[in-house]
């Protein structure tokens, strides 16, 4: 069962709950009935909003807009996310700009954002054979106590600049504060995205290294880092090998995590490629 299948099921549950809430209001239920609108019509409207709405920045907030005609633009990963369209506050309009010097009759594209194939399939009904935003999600859980708290916080990568094309490949999912740690160790959970361009992000390697360090080993590394005048988190983030035993243990642990994810897939890569070859030829062909 994939994260995308879980999300699709949550969408279905949300739709059913919304419809039940509408039907629980007699005036609303009567209005829908009078116009012959049943759950199938509501399902169509729900899917239209989910698949057609454009997310844009409006002031300090992000809003989802339904913009007829704009939603006819196809997606291209060659267009930098955030560069093809935006909301013009002065004109109170959604504005599209050319992302390339298109010629007469040539198709113009926009970016749907740094969307993986799972997101495109669920939200737009198509997938790309080669998508640079595809990623494998790895969730790591480390034991966090008062001694390790600062180290685990500082291992996080710096936030990317807003103009960066690639989506963030790191996120805190659960980070206890120091007050919570007074009751004892707590889980410290981080999420990492592995892409073809960046299959082993430095932060992922650093967190796996930190998770494998025993208290005795941690103390030894702290002393070495202090003697070198370098923060321990900088040492652990180094892409260069640190200690053969530590790095072998860290990479072996990461390999097990990835192997478990691979084993959970119901099909092989070869079977998926064969399925795509037999799929409708035009599916996703209008997108790049």
Protein backbone atom coordinates (compact mmCIF):
# COMPACT_ATOMS: atom_id res chain seq x y z
CA UNK A 1 0.00 0.00 0.00
CA UNK A 2 1.59 3.31 -1.11
CA UNK A 3 1.30 6.76 0.43
CA UNK A 4 -0.57 7.86 -2.70
CA UNK A 5 -3.13 5.07 -2.34
CA UNK A 6 -3.62 6.11 1.30
CA UNK A 7 -4.18 9.70 0.17
CA UNK A 8 -6.67 8.62 -2.52
CA UNK A 9 -8.60 6.69 0.13
CA UNK A 10 -8.58 9.75 2.41
CA UNK A 11 -9.96 11.85 -0.46
CA UNK A 12 -12.76 9.31 -0.94
CA UNK A 13 -13.54 9.36 2.78
CA UNK A 14 -13.50 13.17 2.78
CA UNK A 15 -15.92 13.26 -0.15
CA UNK A 16 -18.33 10.86 1.57
CA UNK A 17 -18.15 12.87 4.81
CA UNK A 18 -18.77 16.15 2.96
CA UNK A 19 -21.79 14.69 1.18
CA UNK A 20 -23.20 13.31 4.43
CA UNK A 21 -22.80 16.76 6.03
CA UNK A 22 -24.67 18.39 3.13
CA UNK A 23 -27.47 15.84 3.34
CA UNK A 24 -27.81 16.41 7.09
CA UNK A 25 -29.02 19.98 6.41
CA UNK A 26 -32.65 19.77 5.21
CA UNK A 27 -32.59 23.06 3.26
CA UNK A 28 -29.39 22.13 1.43
CA UNK A 29 -30.57 18.58 0.77
CA UNK A 30 -33.85 19.92 -0.67
CA UNK A 31 -31.98 22.38 -2.91
CA UNK A 32 -29.72 19.65 -4.28
CA UNK A 33 -32.67 17.34 -4.85
CA UNK A 34 -34.66 20.06 -6.61
CA UNK A 35 -31.84 20.52 -9.11
CA UNK A 36 -31.29 16.79 -9.53
CA UNK A 37 -27.82 16.88 -8.00
CA UNK A 38 -26.80 13.59 -6.41
CA UNK A 39 -23.54 12.26 -5.06
CA UNK A 40 -22.18 11.58 -8.57
CA UNK A 41 -22.54 15.27 -9.43
CA UNK A 42 -20.86 16.19 -6.16
CA UNK A 43 -18.06 13.69 -6.87
CA UNK A 44 -17.51 15.39 -10.26
CA UNK A 45 -17.38 18.84 -8.62
CA UNK A 46 -15.00 17.61 -5.93
CA UNK A 47 -12.66 16.07 -8.52
CA UNK A 48 -12.82 19.23 -10.64
CA UNK A 49 -11.68 21.42 -7.75
CA UNK A 50 -8.95 18.97 -6.73
CA UNK A 51 -7.56 18.62 -10.25
CA UNK A 52 -8.17 22.08 -11.74
CA UNK A 53 -7.47 24.54 -8.93
CA UNK A 54 -4.28 26.59 -9.20
CA UNK A 55 -2.30 27.39 -6.06
CA UNK A 56 -0.91 30.94 -6.00
CA UNK A 57 0.60 33.28 -3.45
CA UNK A 58 -1.67 36.12 -2.36
CA UNK A 59 0.14 38.33 0.10
CA UNK A 60 1.48 36.12 2.86
CA UNK A 61 -0.96 33.31 2.09
CA UNK A 62 -1.39 30.65 -0.53
CA UNK A 63 -4.82 30.38 -2.12
CA UNK A 64 -6.38 27.86 -4.50
CA UNK A 65 -8.19 29.44 -7.44
CA UNK A 66 -10.43 28.05 -10.15
CA UNK A 67 -9.40 29.83 -13.34
CA UNK A 68 -11.25 28.77 -16.53
CA UNK A 69 -8.98 28.56 -19.59
CA UNK A 70 -5.86 28.73 -17.44
CA UNK A 71 -6.53 25.13 -16.45
CA UNK A 72 -6.10 24.12 -20.10
CA UNK A 73 -2.35 24.72 -19.92
CA UNK A 74 -0.32 21.52 -19.82
CA UNK A 75 2.55 20.81 -17.46
CA UNK A 76 6.25 20.63 -18.26
CA UNK A 77 9.08 19.79 -15.87
CA UNK A 78 11.30 22.00 -18.06
CA UNK A 79 9.47 25.03 -16.65
CA UNK A 80 10.82 26.16 -13.29
CA UNK A 81 8.18 25.81 -10.55
CA UNK A 82 6.74 29.18 -9.63
CA UNK A 83 7.98 30.93 -12.78
CA UNK A 84 5.06 30.48 -15.18
CA UNK A 85 2.14 32.11 -13.39
CA UNK A 86 1.19 34.14 -10.36
CA UNK A 87 -1.42 36.41 -8.87
CA UNK A 88 -1.17 40.11 -9.75
CA UNK A 89 -2.41 42.03 -6.70
CA UNK A 90 -2.76 45.32 -8.59
CA UNK A 91 -4.92 43.84 -11.34
CA UNK A 92 -6.56 41.23 -9.10
CA UNK A 93 -5.88 38.66 -11.81
CA UNK A 94 -4.07 35.39 -12.33
CA UNK A 95 -1.29 36.14 -14.84
CA UNK A 96 0.57 33.63 -17.03
CA UNK A 97 3.95 34.50 -18.52
CA UNK A 98 5.81 32.71 -21.29
CA UNK A 99 8.44 30.41 -19.83
CA UNK A 100 10.25 30.21 -23.20
CA UNK A 101 10.33 32.11 -26.52
CA UNK A 102 7.42 30.17 -28.02
CA UNK A 103 6.77 30.49 -31.73
CA UNK A 104 3.41 30.92 -33.45
CA UNK A 105 1.32 27.79 -33.07
CA UNK A 106 3.72 26.23 -30.56
CA UNK A 107 2.29 24.84 -27.35
CA UNK A 108 3.00 26.93 -24.25
CA UNK A 109 3.48 25.13 -20.95
CA UNK A 110 3.21 26.03 -17.29
CA UNK A 111 4.57 24.28 -14.22
CA UNK A 112 2.28 22.42 -11.87
CA UNK A 113 5.06 22.72 -9.28
CA UNK A 114 7.65 20.20 -8.18
CA UNK A 115 5.12 17.40 -8.47
CA UNK A 116 6.06 13.73 -8.45
CA UNK A 117 4.27 11.22 -10.67
CA UNK A 118 2.17 10.13 -7.70
CA UNK A 119 0.95 13.69 -7.25
CA UNK A 120 0.34 14.17 -11.00
CA UNK A 121 -1.54 10.89 -11.31
CA UNK A 122 -3.77 11.56 -8.32
CA UNK A 123 -4.33 15.24 -9.03
CA UNK A 124 -4.24 15.36 -12.83
CA UNK A 125 -4.81 11.85 -14.10
CA UNK A 126 -1.47 11.50 -15.91
CA UNK A 127 2.14 10.53 -15.25
CA UNK A 128 5.43 11.23 -17.02
CA UNK A 129 7.79 8.46 -18.03
CA UNK A 130 10.74 10.56 -16.83
CA UNK A 131 9.94 12.99 -14.03
CA UNK A 132 12.84 14.78 -12.32
CA UNK A 133 10.64 15.45 -9.31
CA UNK A 134 9.99 11.79 -8.58
CA UNK A 135 11.35 10.88 -5.18
CA UNK A 136 11.54 8.05 -2.67
CA UNK A 137 10.41 9.12 0.78
CA UNK A 138 12.41 7.84 3.74
CA UNK A 139 11.21 8.46 7.29
CA UNK A 140 13.79 8.12 10.05
CA UNK A 141 13.13 7.86 13.77
CA UNK A 142 15.96 8.50 16.23
CA UNK A 143 15.97 8.41 20.01
CA UNK A 144 16.28 11.96 21.29
CA UNK A 145 17.34 12.88 24.82
CA UNK A 146 18.54 16.17 26.30
CA UNK A 147 22.10 15.41 25.27
CA UNK A 148 21.30 14.69 21.62
CA UNK A 149 18.60 17.34 21.12
CA UNK A 150 20.85 20.15 19.85
CA UNK A 151 22.77 17.78 17.58
CA UNK A 152 19.59 16.44 15.96
CA UNK A 153 18.19 19.93 15.49
CA UNK A 154 21.39 21.24 13.90
CA UNK A 155 21.77 18.31 11.49
CA UNK A 156 18.91 19.71 9.41
CA UNK A 157 19.99 21.29 6.12
CA UNK A 158 19.62 25.00 5.57
CA UNK A 159 16.29 26.02 4.08
CA UNK A 160 16.58 26.38 0.28
CA UNK A 161 16.04 29.87 -1.19
CA UNK A 162 12.47 30.53 -2.38
CA UNK A 163 13.69 30.71 -6.00
CA UNK A 164 15.20 27.23 -5.97
CA UNK A 165 13.53 24.93 -8.48
CA UNK A 166 13.74 21.71 -6.53
CA UNK A 167 11.23 21.09 -3.72
CA UNK A 168 12.66 20.75 -0.18
CA UNK A 169 14.06 17.27 0.45
CA UNK A 170 13.87 17.48 4.23
CA UNK A 171 11.15 17.99 6.82
CA UNK A 172 10.75 17.63 10.58
CA UNK A 173 7.80 15.35 11.30
CA UNK A 174 8.24 15.15 15.07
CA UNK A 175 10.79 17.21 17.01
CA UNK A 176 10.33 17.30 20.80
CA UNK A 177 11.26 20.43 22.69
CA UNK A 178 13.55 20.45 25.70
CA UNK A 179 10.62 20.67 28.11
CA UNK A 180 9.20 17.40 26.75
CA UNK A 181 12.55 15.69 27.19
CA UNK A 182 12.47 16.19 30.95
CA UNK A 183 10.24 13.13 31.13
CA UNK A 184 12.81 11.01 29.26
CA UNK A 185 13.85 10.30 25.66
CA UNK A 186 11.34 10.98 22.89
CA UNK A 187 11.19 10.01 19.19
CA UNK A 188 12.75 12.49 16.78
CA UNK A 189 11.26 11.89 13.33
CA UNK A 190 12.49 13.35 10.04
CA UNK A 191 11.40 12.91 6.43
CA UNK A 192 13.89 12.80 3.55
CA UNK A 193 13.28 12.74 -0.22
CA UNK A 194 15.71 10.80 -2.40
CA UNK A 195 15.79 11.76 -6.07
CA UNK A 196 17.74 10.51 -9.06
CA UNK A 197 19.75 13.74 -8.96
CA UNK A 198 20.36 13.52 -5.20
CA UNK A 199 20.09 9.87 -4.10
CA UNK A 200 21.88 10.37 -0.78
CA UNK A 201 21.21 13.85 0.65
CA UNK A 202 23.86 14.93 3.20
CA UNK A 203 21.20 15.40 5.87
CA UNK A 204 19.98 11.82 5.44
CA UNK A 205 23.48 10.41 5.82
CA UNK A 206 24.07 12.66 8.83
CA UNK A 207 20.89 11.54 10.62
CA UNK A 208 21.59 7.87 9.95
CA UNK A 209 25.15 8.32 11.30
CA UNK A 210 23.83 10.05 14.41
CA UNK A 211 21.23 7.35 14.98
CA UNK A 212 23.92 4.64 14.86
CA UNK A 213 26.20 6.33 17.43
CA UNK A 214 26.17 4.82 20.90
CA UNK A 215 26.58 7.14 23.88
CA UNK A 216 30.24 6.14 24.18
CA UNK A 217 30.86 6.75 20.47
CA UNK A 218 28.99 10.05 20.65
CA UNK A 219 31.24 11.24 23.45
CA UNK A 220 34.36 10.26 21.47
CA UNK A 221 33.13 12.16 18.39
CA UNK A 222 32.26 15.18 20.52
CA UNK A 223 35.83 15.29 21.84
CA UNK A 224 37.31 14.97 18.34
CA UNK A 225 35.06 17.71 16.97
CA UNK A 226 35.90 20.03 19.87
CA UNK A 227 39.63 19.46 19.39
CA UNK A 228 39.26 20.28 15.69
CA UNK A 229 37.19 23.38 16.43
CA UNK A 230 34.32 22.07 14.29
CA UNK A 231 30.69 21.57 15.42
CA UNK A 232 29.82 17.88 15.59
CA UNK A 233 26.85 18.35 13.26
CA UNK A 234 29.19 19.66 10.58
CA UNK A 235 31.38 16.60 11.03
CA UNK A 236 28.44 14.22 10.64
CA UNK A 237 27.16 16.08 7.57
CA UNK A 238 30.44 15.56 5.74
CA UNK A 239 30.02 13.63 2.47
CA UNK A 240 33.51 12.19 2.97
CA UNK A 241 33.81 8.88 4.85
CA UNK A 242 34.26 9.36 8.60
CA UNK A 243 34.87 6.01 10.17
CA UNK A 244 34.66 2.73 8.26
CA UNK A 245 32.67 0.93 10.96
CA UNK A 246 30.25 3.82 11.51
CA UNK A 247 29.62 4.44 7.82
CA UNK A 248 29.17 0.75 7.05
CA UNK A 249 26.64 0.46 9.88
CA UNK A 250 24.84 3.61 8.74
CA UNK A 251 24.65 2.57 5.08
CA UNK A 252 23.59 -0.97 6.02
CA UNK A 253 20.73 0.44 8.11
CA UNK A 254 19.68 2.70 5.24
CA UNK A 255 19.88 -0.19 2.80
CA UNK A 256 17.49 -2.22 4.99
CA UNK A 257 15.01 0.66 5.04
CA UNK A 258 15.08 0.96 1.25
CA UNK A 259 14.94 -2.82 0.75
CA UNK A 260 11.82 -3.00 2.93
CA UNK A 261 10.18 -0.26 0.85
CA UNK A 262 11.08 -2.07 -2.37
CA UNK A 263 9.74 -5.39 -1.06
CA UNK A 264 6.44 -3.69 -0.22
CA UNK A 265 5.76 -2.84 -3.87
CA UNK A 266 3.33 -5.31 -5.48
CA UNK A 267 5.11 -5.14 -8.87
CA UNK A 268 8.66 -4.97 -10.17
CA UNK A 269 10.16 -2.09 -12.16
CA UNK A 270 10.11 -4.29 -15.28
CA UNK A 271 6.40 -5.01 -14.82
CA UNK A 272 5.66 -1.31 -14.37
CA UNK A 273 7.57 -0.44 -17.57
CA UNK A 274 5.66 -3.12 -19.48
CA UNK A 275 2.37 -1.75 -18.12
CA UNK A 276 3.26 1.77 -19.26
CA UNK A 277 4.14 0.46 -22.72
CA UNK A 278 0.65 -1.06 -23.01
CA UNK A 279 -1.12 2.01 -21.59
CA UNK A 280 -3.09 4.43 -23.71
CA UNK A 281 -0.52 6.00 -26.08
CA UNK A 282 -1.79 9.56 -25.55
CA UNK A 283 -1.96 9.35 -21.74
CA UNK A 284 0.28 12.16 -20.50
CA UNK A 285 1.63 12.78 -24.03
CA UNK A 286 0.48 16.41 -23.97
CA UNK A 287 2.64 17.00 -20.91
CA UNK A 288 6.42 17.00 -20.78
